[in-house]
Amino acid sequence: MTEDRIRELEADVLHLMEQVDRYRTATDDALQQINWCIGYLAATKKGRIASSLSVNREHIRSNLLGRAPQSVPTTGPEAEEESA
């Protein structure tokens, strides 16, 4: 391999790593927004919706990102009674 080709490949790798970082940041931001929604829904006694959203979050975290699961929000029995 020539020096020019090596530099070109190194530049390509650097560009791809920047893209990975950008997508990782976007993913983390989206998961933080989902976490906020889950907390809000649990706090406003929408426990079933919060739990459903938690299941979706865990699918994204474990199956798509290969990350460890997060805890499901705990709510009291009154949270199960969703108000319309």
Protein backbone atom coordinates (compact mmCIF):
# COMPACT_ATOMS: atom_id res chain seq x y z
CA MET A 1 0.00 0.00 0.00
CA THR A 2 1.16 3.46 -0.75
CA GLU A 3 1.42 6.23 1.81
CA ASP A 4 -1.37 8.16 0.07
CA ARG A 5 -3.73 5.18 0.22
CA ILE A 6 -2.97 4.66 3.91
CA ARG A 7 -3.72 8.32 4.66
CA GLU A 8 -6.94 8.07 2.64
CA LEU A 9 -8.05 5.00 4.57
CA GLU A 10 -7.16 6.63 7.90
CA ALA A 11 -9.25 9.67 6.91
CA ASP A 12 -12.14 7.35 6.03
CA VAL A 13 -11.89 5.61 9.39
CA LEU A 14 -11.81 8.96 11.20
CA HIS A 15 -14.91 10.12 9.31
CA LEU A 16 -16.75 6.88 10.13
CA MET A 17 -15.82 7.18 13.82
CA GLU A 18 -17.22 10.73 13.85
CA GLN A 19 -20.44 9.40 12.35
CA VAL A 20 -20.62 6.66 15.00
CA ASP A 21 -20.19 9.28 17.74
CA ARG A 22 -22.90 11.44 16.19
CA TYR A 23 -25.37 8.55 16.02
CA ARG A 24 -24.46 7.41 19.54
CA THR A 25 -25.19 10.91 20.86
CA ALA A 26 -28.52 11.01 19.02
CA THR A 27 -29.44 7.58 20.39
CA ASP A 28 -28.56 8.58 23.95
CA ASP A 29 -30.60 11.78 23.61
CA ALA A 30 -33.61 9.85 22.31
CA LEU A 31 -33.36 7.32 25.15
CA GLN A 32 -33.20 10.16 27.66
CA GLN A 33 -36.39 11.61 26.19
CA ILE A 34 -38.08 8.20 26.41
CA ASN A 35 -36.94 7.91 30.03
CA TRP A 36 -38.42 11.33 30.80
CA CYS A 37 -41.73 10.28 29.21
CA ILE A 38 -41.78 7.05 31.22
CA GLY A 39 -41.16 8.97 34.44
CA TYR A 40 -43.81 11.55 33.60
CA LEU A 41 -46.38 8.91 32.72
CA ALA A 42 -45.63 6.94 35.89
CA ALA A 43 -45.90 10.08 38.02
CA THR A 44 -49.23 11.03 36.44
CA LYS A 45 -50.67 7.62 37.25
CA LYS A 46 -50.47 6.28 33.70
CA GLY A 47 -48.67 3.13 34.83
CA ARG A 48 -49.79 0.87 32.00
CA ILE A 49 -48.65 3.30 29.34
CA ALA A 50 -45.34 3.83 31.18
CA SER A 51 -44.83 0.07 31.39
CA SER A 52 -45.57 -0.38 27.69
CA LEU A 53 -43.12 2.36 26.81
CA SER A 54 -40.57 0.71 29.12
CA VAL A 55 -40.92 -2.54 27.19
CA ASN A 56 -40.26 -0.67 23.95
CA ARG A 57 -37.26 1.08 25.50
CA GLU A 58 -35.83 -2.24 26.66
CA HIS A 59 -36.24 -3.74 23.19
CA ILE A 60 -34.29 -0.82 21.74
CA ARG A 61 -31.60 -1.00 24.44
CA SER A 62 -31.07 -4.76 24.41
CA ASN A 63 -31.86 -5.92 20.88
CA LEU A 64 -30.73 -2.93 18.85
CA LEU A 65 -27.99 -1.39 21.00
CA GLY A 66 -26.78 -4.40 22.97
CA ARG A 67 -27.04 -2.50 26.27
CA ALA A 68 -28.10 -3.70 29.71
CA PRO A 69 -31.76 -3.23 30.65
CA GLN A 70 -32.94 -0.36 32.83
CA SER A 71 -35.40 -0.68 35.67
CA VAL A 72 -39.10 -0.33 35.00
CA PRO A 73 -40.63 2.55 36.98
CA THR A 74 -42.34 1.41 40.14
CA THR A 75 -45.76 2.83 40.77
CA GLY A 76 -48.36 2.31 43.43
CA PRO A 77 -51.61 0.43 42.86
CA GLU A 78 -53.39 3.72 42.16
CA ALA A 79 -51.22 4.16 39.04
CA GLU A 80 -52.91 1.18 37.46
CA GLU A 81 -56.18 3.10 37.27
CA GLU A 82 -55.63 5.21 34.20
CA SER A 83 -57.67 8.32 33.88
CA ALA A 84 -58.94 9.03 30.40
